[in-house]
PDB file of N, CA and C in Angstrom:
ATOM      1  N   UNK A   1      -8.749  37.584 -35.026  1.00  0.00           N
ATOM      2  CA  UNK A   1      -9.217  36.256 -35.324  1.00  0.00           C
ATOM      3  C   UNK A   1      -8.045  35.338 -35.721  1.00  0.00           C
ATOM      4  N   UNK A   2      -7.123  35.876 -36.542  1.00  0.00           N
ATOM      5  CA  UNK A   2      -5.975  35.085 -36.965  1.00  0.00           C
ATOM      6  C   UNK A   2      -5.066  34.754 -35.786  1.00  0.00           C
ATOM      7  N   UNK A   3      -5.008  35.667 -34.804  1.00  0.00           N
ATOM      8  CA  UNK A   3      -4.172  35.399 -33.633  1.00  0.00           C
ATOM      9  C   UNK A   3      -4.711  34.216 -32.838  1.00  0.00           C
ATOM     10  N   UNK A   4      -6.031  34.131 -32.714  1.00  0.00           N
ATOM     11  CA  UNK A   4      -6.636  33.010 -31.977  1.00  0.00           C
ATOM     12  C   UNK A   4      -6.350  31.689 -32.663  1.00  0.00           C
ATOM     13  N   UNK A   5      -6.417  31.670 -33.993  1.00  0.00           N
ATOM     14  CA  UNK A   5      -6.135  30.447 -34.738  1.00  0.00           C
ATOM     15  C   UNK A   5      -4.672  30.065 -34.590  1.00  0.00           C
ATOM     16  N   UNK A   6      -3.797  31.036 -34.675  1.00  0.00           N
ATOM     17  CA  UNK A   6      -2.366  30.767 -34.536  1.00  0.00           C
ATOM     18  C   UNK A   6      -2.033  30.236 -33.138  1.00  0.00           C
ATOM     19  N   UNK A   7      -2.635  30.825 -32.136  1.00  0.00           N
ATOM     20  CA  UNK A   7      -2.408  30.360 -30.760  1.00  0.00           C
ATOM     21  C   UNK A   7      -2.918  28.932 -30.601  1.00  0.00           C
ATOM     22  N   UNK A   8      -4.075  28.630 -31.169  1.00  0.00           N
ATOM     23  CA  UNK A   8      -4.633  27.279 -31.090  1.00  0.00           C
ATOM     24  C   UNK A   8      -3.718  26.272 -31.773  1.00  0.00           C
ATOM     25  N   UNK A   9      -3.194  26.623 -32.938  1.00  0.00           N
ATOM     26  CA  UNK A   9      -2.292  25.717 -33.648  1.00  0.00           C
ATOM     27  C   UNK A   9      -1.002  25.476 -32.863  1.00  0.00           C
ATOM     28  N   UNK A  10      -0.488  26.508 -32.239  1.00  0.00           N
ATOM     29  CA  UNK A  10       0.729  26.354 -31.434  1.00  0.00           C
ATOM     30  C   UNK A  10       0.484  25.438 -30.243  1.00  0.00           C
ATOM     31  N   UNK A  11      -0.643  25.624 -29.591  1.00  0.00           N
ATOM     32  CA  UNK A  11      -0.968  24.788 -28.427  1.00  0.00           C
ATOM     33  C   UNK A  11      -1.126  23.336 -28.854  1.00  0.00           C
ATOM     34  N   UNK A  12      -1.826  23.094 -29.964  1.00  0.00           N
ATOM     35  CA  UNK A  12      -2.027  21.724 -30.446  1.00  0.00           C
ATOM     36  C   UNK A  12      -0.694  21.091 -30.832  1.00  0.00           C
ATOM     37  N   UNK A  13       0.176  21.842 -31.481  1.00  0.00           N
ATOM     38  CA  UNK A  13       1.463  21.280 -31.877  1.00  0.00           C
ATOM     39  C   UNK A  13       2.355  20.983 -30.681  1.00  0.00           C
ATOM     40  N   UNK A  14       2.216  21.741 -29.603  1.00  0.00           N
ATOM     41  CA  UNK A  14       3.014  21.473 -28.409  1.00  0.00           C
ATOM     42  C   UNK A  14       2.499  20.269 -27.633  1.00  0.00           C
ATOM     43  N   UNK A  15       1.205  20.032 -27.657  1.00  0.00           N
ATOM     44  CA  UNK A  15       0.600  18.953 -26.878  1.00  0.00           C
ATOM     45  C   UNK A  15       0.696  17.623 -27.599  1.00  0.00           C
ATOM     46  N   UNK A  16       0.668  17.577 -28.903  1.00  0.00           N
ATOM     47  CA  UNK A  16       0.635  16.320 -29.646  1.00  0.00           C
ATOM     48  C   UNK A  16       1.854  15.426 -29.405  1.00  0.00           C
ATOM     49  N   UNK A  17       3.099  15.918 -29.294  1.00  0.00           N
ATOM     50  CA  UNK A  17       4.200  14.997 -28.989  1.00  0.00           C
ATOM     51  C   UNK A  17       4.056  14.347 -27.609  1.00  0.00           C
ATOM     52  N   UNK A  18       3.459  15.027 -26.671  1.00  0.00           N
ATOM     53  CA  UNK A  18       3.274  14.476 -25.324  1.00  0.00           C
ATOM     54  C   UNK A  18       2.311  13.312 -25.364  1.00  0.00           C
ATOM     55  N   UNK A  19       1.202  13.444 -26.085  1.00  0.00           N
ATOM     56  CA  UNK A  19       0.225  12.359 -26.147  1.00  0.00           C
ATOM     57  C   UNK A  19       0.802  11.156 -26.876  1.00  0.00           C
ATOM     58  N   UNK A  20       1.634  11.365 -27.872  1.00  0.00           N
ATOM     59  CA  UNK A  20       2.280  10.257 -28.579  1.00  0.00           C
ATOM     60  C   UNK A  20       3.203   9.496 -27.630  1.00  0.00           C
ATOM     61  N   UNK A  21       3.946  10.200 -26.810  1.00  0.00           N
ATOM     62  CA  UNK A  21       4.841   9.564 -25.853  1.00  0.00           C
ATOM     63  C   UNK A  21       4.058   8.758 -24.831  1.00  0.00           C
ATOM     64  N   UNK A  22       2.956   9.272 -24.377  1.00  0.00           N
ATOM     65  CA  UNK A  22       2.138   8.556 -23.404  1.00  0.00           C
ATOM     66  C   UNK A  22       1.568   7.295 -24.016  1.00  0.00           C
ATOM     67  N   UNK A  23       1.135   7.359 -25.264  1.00  0.00           N
ATOM     68  CA  UNK A  23       0.593   6.182 -25.930  1.00  0.00           C
ATOM     69  C   UNK A  23       1.664   5.110 -26.083  1.00  0.00           C
ATOM     70  N   UNK A  24       2.893   5.495 -26.397  1.00  0.00           N
ATOM     71  CA  UNK A  24       3.968   4.530 -26.527  1.00  0.00           C
ATOM     72  C   UNK A  24       4.304   3.898 -25.182  1.00  0.00           C
ATOM     73  N   UNK A  25       4.228   4.658 -24.115  1.00  0.00           N
ATOM     74  CA  UNK A  25       4.501   4.111 -22.794  1.00  0.00           C
ATOM     75  C   UNK A  25       3.442   3.095 -22.420  1.00  0.00           C
ATOM     76  N   UNK A  26       2.191   3.322 -22.794  1.00  0.00           N
ATOM     77  CA  UNK A  26       1.123   2.379 -22.485  1.00  0.00           C
ATOM     78  C   UNK A  26       1.328   1.064 -23.220  1.00  0.00           C
ATOM     79  N   UNK A  27       1.779   1.100 -24.467  1.00  0.00           N
ATOM     80  CA  UNK A  27       2.009  -0.140 -25.192  1.00  0.00           C
ATOM     81  C   UNK A  27       3.195  -0.900 -24.609  1.00  0.00           C
ATOM     82  N   UNK A  28       4.177  -0.200 -24.070  1.00  0.00           N
ATOM     83  CA  UNK A  28       5.311  -0.876 -23.436  1.00  0.00           C
ATOM     84  C   UNK A  28       4.854  -1.582 -22.166  1.00  0.00           C
ATOM     85  N   UNK A  29       3.939  -0.974 -21.430  1.00  0.00           N
ATOM     86  CA  UNK A  29       3.421  -1.605 -20.221  1.00  0.00           C
ATOM     87  C   UNK A  29       2.554  -2.813 -20.552  1.00  0.00           C
ATOM     88  N   UNK A  30       1.939  -2.823 -21.725  1.00  0.00           N
ATOM     89  CA  UNK A  30       1.080  -3.941 -22.096  1.00  0.00           C
ATOM     90  C   UNK A  30       1.882  -5.221 -22.270  1.00  0.00           C
ATOM     91  N   UNK A  31       3.172  -5.124 -22.597  1.00  0.00           N
ATOM     92  CA  UNK A  31       3.993  -6.320 -22.749  1.00  0.00           C
ATOM     93  C   UNK A  31       4.224  -7.015 -21.416  1.00  0.00           C
ATOM     94  N   UNK A  32       4.066  -6.316 -20.326  1.00  0.00           N
ATOM     95  CA  UNK A  32       4.230  -6.895 -18.997  1.00  0.00           C
ATOM     96  C   UNK A  32       2.888  -7.253 -18.380  1.00  0.00           C
ATOM     97  N   UNK A  33       1.880  -7.486 -19.209  1.00  0.00           N
ATOM     98  CA  UNK A  33       0.539  -7.727 -18.680  1.00  0.00           C
ATOM     99  C   UNK A  33       0.475  -8.997 -17.838  1.00  0.00           C
ATOM    100  N   UNK A  34       1.321  -9.983 -18.154  1.00  0.00           N
ATOM    101  CA  UNK A  34       1.313 -11.216 -17.364  1.00  0.00           C
ATOM    102  C   UNK A  34       1.751 -10.944 -15.940  1.00  0.00           C
ATOM    103  N   UNK A  35       2.798 -10.134 -15.771  1.00  0.00           N
ATOM    104  CA  UNK A  35       3.261  -9.777 -14.431  1.00  0.00           C
ATOM    105  C   UNK A  35       2.227  -8.936 -13.700  1.00  0.00           C
ATOM    106  N   UNK A  36       1.570  -8.052 -14.426  1.00  0.00           N
ATOM    107  CA  UNK A  36       0.551  -7.204 -13.806  1.00  0.00           C
ATOM    108  C   UNK A  36      -0.611  -8.058 -13.326  1.00  0.00           C
ATOM    109  N   UNK A  37      -1.045  -9.028 -14.140  1.00  0.00           N
ATOM    110  CA  UNK A  37      -2.157  -9.883 -13.750  1.00  0.00           C
ATOM    111  C   UNK A  37      -1.819 -10.708 -12.516  1.00  0.00           C
ATOM    112  N   UNK A  38      -0.579 -11.167 -12.419  1.00  0.00           N
ATOM    113  CA  UNK A  38      -0.177 -11.933 -11.242  1.00  0.00           C
ATOM    114  C   UNK A  38      -0.208 -11.069  -9.994  1.00  0.00           C
ATOM    115  N   UNK A  39       0.243  -9.826 -10.114  1.00  0.00           N
ATOM    116  CA  UNK A  39       0.260  -8.960  -8.946  1.00  0.00           C
ATOM    117  C   UNK A  39      -1.139  -8.541  -8.538  1.00  0.00           C
ATOM    118  N   UNK A  40      -2.076  -8.501  -9.472  1.00  0.00           N
ATOM    119  CA  UNK A  40      -3.459  -8.148  -9.126  1.00  0.00           C
ATOM    120  C   UNK A  40      -4.153  -9.267  -8.372  1.00  0.00           C
ATOM    121  N   UNK A  41      -3.688 -10.490  -8.507  1.00  0.00           N
ATOM    122  CA  UNK A  41      -4.309 -11.612  -7.832  1.00  0.00           C
ATOM    123  C   UNK A  41      -3.967 -11.647  -6.344  1.00  0.00           C
ATOM    124  N   UNK A  42      -2.838 -11.080  -5.974  1.00  0.00           N
ATOM    125  CA  UNK A  42      -2.407 -11.074  -4.585  1.00  0.00           C
ATOM    126  C   UNK A  42      -3.040  -9.870  -3.896  1.00  0.00           C
ATOM    127  N   UNK A  43      -3.786 -10.136  -2.848  1.00  0.00           N
ATOM    128  CA  UNK A  43      -4.418  -9.048  -2.118  1.00  0.00           C
ATOM    129  C   UNK A  43      -3.743  -8.919  -0.764  1.00  0.00           C
ATOM    130  N   UNK A  44      -3.052  -7.808  -0.568  1.00  0.00           N
ATOM    131  CA  UNK A  44      -2.327  -7.558   0.673  1.00  0.00           C
ATOM    132  C   UNK A  44      -3.147  -6.610   1.519  1.00  0.00           C
ATOM    133  N   UNK A  45      -3.393  -7.014   2.738  1.00  0.00           N
ATOM    134  CA  UNK A  45      -4.134  -6.180   3.670  1.00  0.00           C
ATOM    135  C   UNK A  45      -3.318  -6.038   4.951  1.00  0.00           C
ATOM    136  N   UNK A  46      -2.449  -5.047   4.995  1.00  0.00           N
ATOM    137  CA  UNK A  46      -1.623  -4.891   6.189  1.00  0.00           C
ATOM    138  C   UNK A  46      -2.469  -4.518   7.401  1.00  0.00           C
ATOM    139  N   UNK A  47      -2.247  -5.203   8.457  1.00  0.00           N
ATOM    140  CA  UNK A  47      -2.968  -4.937   9.705  1.00  0.00           C
ATOM    141  C   UNK A  47      -1.990  -5.068  10.859  1.00  0.00           C
ATOM    142  N   UNK A  48      -2.193  -4.264  11.854  1.00  0.00           N
ATOM    143  CA  UNK A  48      -1.339  -4.382  13.025  1.00  0.00           C
ATOM    144  C   UNK A  48      -1.879  -5.489  13.928  1.00  0.00           C
ATOM    145  N   UNK A  49      -0.974  -6.105  14.650  1.00  0.00           N
ATOM    146  CA  UNK A  49      -1.358  -7.174  15.555  1.00  0.00           C
ATOM    147  C   UNK A  49      -2.143  -6.616  16.741  1.00  0.00           C
ATOM    148  N   UNK A  50      -3.073  -7.414  17.229  1.00  0.00           N
ATOM    149  CA  UNK A  50      -3.856  -7.030  18.406  1.00  0.00           C
ATOM    150  C   UNK A  50      -3.147  -7.613  19.620  1.00  0.00           C
ATOM    151  N   UNK A  51      -2.449  -6.750  20.354  1.00  0.00           N
ATOM    152  CA  UNK A  51      -1.672  -7.184  21.520  1.00  0.00           C
ATOM    153  C   UNK A  51      -2.196  -6.443  22.743  1.00  0.00           C
ATOM    154  N   UNK A  52      -2.552  -7.215  23.771  1.00  0.00           N
ATOM    155  CA  UNK A  52      -3.062  -6.623  25.006  1.00  0.00           C
ATOM    156  C   UNK A  52      -2.401  -7.284  26.205  1.00  0.00           C
ATOM    157  N   UNK A  53      -2.462  -6.586  27.339  1.00  0.00           N
ATOM    158  CA  UNK A  53      -1.891  -7.101  28.573  1.00  0.00           C
ATOM    159  C   UNK A  53      -2.858  -8.078  29.219  1.00  0.00           C
ATOM    160  N   UNK A  54      -2.321  -9.160  29.791  1.00  0.00           N
ATOM    161  CA  UNK A  54      -3.076 -10.117  30.596  1.00  0.00           C
ATOM    162  C   UNK A  54      -2.492 -10.061  32.007  1.00  0.00           C
ATOM    163  N   UNK A  55      -3.319 -10.206  33.000  1.00  0.00           N
ATOM    164  CA  UNK A  55      -2.902 -10.084  34.401  1.00  0.00           C
ATOM    165  C   UNK A  55      -3.268 -11.342  35.162  1.00  0.00           C
ATOM    166  N   UNK A  56      -2.462 -11.628  36.227  1.00  0.00           N
ATOM    167  CA  UNK A  56      -2.787 -12.735  37.120  1.00  0.00           C
ATOM    168  C   UNK A  56      -2.127 -12.495  38.472  1.00  0.00           C
ATOM    169  N   UNK A  57      -2.646 -13.145  39.474  1.00  0.00           N
ATOM    170  CA  UNK A  57      -2.113 -13.087  40.839  1.00  0.00           C
ATOM    171  C   UNK A  57      -1.565 -14.455  41.215  1.00  0.00           C
ATOM    172  N   UNK A  58      -0.329 -14.459  41.708  1.00  0.00           N
ATOM    173  CA  UNK A  58       0.268 -15.692  42.218  1.00  0.00           C
ATOM    174  C   UNK A  58       0.783 -15.397  43.615  1.00  0.00           C
ATOM    175  N   UNK A  59       0.218 -16.078  44.614  1.00  0.00           N
ATOM    176  CA  UNK A  59       0.603 -15.910  46.009  1.00  0.00           C
ATOM    177  C   UNK A  59       0.559 -14.445  46.440  1.00  0.00           C
ATOM    178  N   UNK A  60      -0.428 -13.715  46.014  1.00  0.00           N
ATOM    179  CA  UNK A  60      -0.597 -12.320  46.406  1.00  0.00           C
ATOM    180  C   UNK A  60       0.235 -11.327  45.611  1.00  0.00           C
ATOM    181  N   UNK A  61       0.961 -11.785  44.631  1.00  0.00           N
ATOM    182  CA  UNK A  61       1.764 -10.895  43.789  1.00  0.00           C
ATOM    183  C   UNK A  61       1.114 -10.788  42.407  1.00  0.00           C
ATOM    184  N   UNK A  62       1.039  -9.557  41.906  1.00  0.00           N
ATOM    185  CA  UNK A  62       0.432  -9.320  40.595  1.00  0.00           C
ATOM    186  C   UNK A  62       1.489  -9.436  39.498  1.00  0.00           C
ATOM    187  N   UNK A  63       1.099 -10.075  38.410  1.00  0.00           N
ATOM    188  CA  UNK A  63       1.962 -10.237  37.245  1.00  0.00           C
ATOM    189  C   UNK A  63       1.200  -9.809  35.991  1.00  0.00           C
ATOM    190  N   UNK A  64       1.973  -9.366  35.001  1.00  0.00           N
ATOM    191  CA  UNK A  64       1.366  -9.023  33.719  1.00  0.00           C
ATOM    192  C   UNK A  64       2.219  -9.589  32.591  1.00  0.00           C
ATOM    193  N   UNK A  65       1.542  -9.867  31.464  1.00  0.00           N
ATOM    194  CA  UNK A  65       2.218 -10.400  30.290  1.00  0.00           C
ATOM    195  C   UNK A  65       1.385 -10.035  29.066  1.00  0.00           C
ATOM    196  N   UNK A  66       2.061  -9.757  27.979  1.00  0.00           N
ATOM    197  CA  UNK A  66       1.334  -9.408  26.769  1.00  0.00           C
ATOM    198  C   UNK A  66       0.923 -10.662  25.999  1.00  0.00           C
ATOM    199  N   UNK A  67      -0.282 -10.589  25.393  1.00  0.00           N
ATOM    200  CA  UNK A  67      -0.789 -11.686  24.588  1.00  0.00           C
ATOM    201  C   UNK A  67      -1.162 -11.161  23.208  1.00  0.00           C
ATOM    202  N   UNK A  68      -0.683 -11.825  22.153  1.00  0.00           N
ATOM    203  CA  UNK A  68      -0.989 -11.454  20.781  1.00  0.00           C
ATOM    204  C   UNK A  68      -2.238 -12.226  20.353  1.00  0.00           C
ATOM    205  N   UNK A  69      -3.362 -11.529  20.281  1.00  0.00           N
ATOM    206  CA  UNK A  69      -4.617 -12.162  19.907  1.00  0.00           C
ATOM    207  C   UNK A  69      -4.667 -12.501  18.420  1.00  0.00           C
ATOM    208  N   UNK A  70      -3.908 -11.791  17.600  1.00  0.00           N
ATOM    209  CA  UNK A  70      -3.883 -12.072  16.164  1.00  0.00           C
ATOM    210  C   UNK A  70      -3.190 -13.399  15.881  1.00  0.00           C
ATOM    211  N   UNK A  71      -2.074 -13.658  16.559  1.00  0.00           N
ATOM    212  CA  UNK A  71      -1.312 -14.892  16.357  1.00  0.00           C
ATOM    213  C   UNK A  71      -1.661 -15.955  17.391  1.00  0.00           C
ATOM    214  N   UNK A  72      -2.465 -15.599  18.393  1.00  0.00           N
ATOM    215  CA  UNK A  72      -2.884 -16.505  19.460  1.00  0.00           C
ATOM    216  C   UNK A  72      -1.675 -17.090  20.203  1.00  0.00           C
ATOM    217  N   UNK A  73      -0.743 -16.198  20.611  1.00  0.00           N
ATOM    218  CA  UNK A  73       0.421 -16.650  21.369  1.00  0.00           C
ATOM    219  C   UNK A  73       0.902 -15.546  22.305  1.00  0.00           C
ATOM    220  N   UNK A  74       1.674 -15.948  23.289  1.00  0.00           N
ATOM    221  CA  UNK A  74       2.211 -15.018  24.279  1.00  0.00           C
ATOM    222  C   UNK A  74       3.377 -14.239  23.701  1.00  0.00           C
ATOM    223  N   UNK A  75       3.561 -13.006  24.223  1.00  0.00           N
ATOM    224  CA  UNK A  75       4.677 -12.147  23.843  1.00  0.00           C
ATOM    225  C   UNK A  75       5.450 -11.851  25.106  1.00  0.00           C
ATOM    226  N   UNK A  76       6.708 -12.263  25.145  1.00  0.00           N
ATOM    227  CA  UNK A  76       7.535 -11.991  26.314  1.00  0.00           C
ATOM    228  C   UNK A  76       7.230 -12.884  27.488  1.00  0.00           C
ATOM    229  N   UNK A  77       7.754 -12.495  28.670  1.00  0.00           N
ATOM    230  CA  UNK A  77       7.590 -13.259  29.911  1.00  0.00           C
ATOM    231  C   UNK A  77       6.671 -12.510  30.873  1.00  0.00           C
ATOM    232  N   UNK A  78       6.275 -13.228  31.938  1.00  0.00           N
ATOM    233  CA  UNK A  78       5.481 -12.590  32.994  1.00  0.00           C
ATOM    234  C   UNK A  78       6.343 -11.587  33.734  1.00  0.00           C
ATOM    235  N   UNK A  79       5.784 -10.425  34.000  1.00  0.00           N
ATOM    236  CA  UNK A  79       6.497  -9.348  34.706  1.00  0.00           C
ATOM    237  C   UNK A  79       5.767  -9.077  35.998  1.00  0.00           C
ATOM    238  N   UNK A  80       6.516  -9.057  37.100  1.00  0.00           N
ATOM    239  CA  UNK A  80       5.901  -8.761  38.391  1.00  0.00           C
ATOM    240  C   UNK A  80       5.666  -7.249  38.499  1.00  0.00           C
ATOM    241  N   UNK A  81       4.446  -6.875  38.886  1.00  0.00           N
ATOM    242  CA  UNK A  81       4.124  -5.438  39.004  1.00  0.00           C
ATOM    243  C   UNK A  81       3.817  -5.075  40.419  1.00  0.00           C
TER     244      UNK A  81
END
């Protein structure tokens, strides 16, 4: 029975300095709460552009060119295929 109590006391004494350090780190982060609040307001949603090939025929010759639907503009030049 005494061994169980001794083991419990040792475990508690080893864990208590860790929790104190974590609590101090949290209070240090609280001083930067203004910066944290500003970063929470910005919502970043990374998305890849939607780019697809467009085709056309000019005088019996086929051409292709990429179009960026996300930016609504052409990418590159017409390529004869």
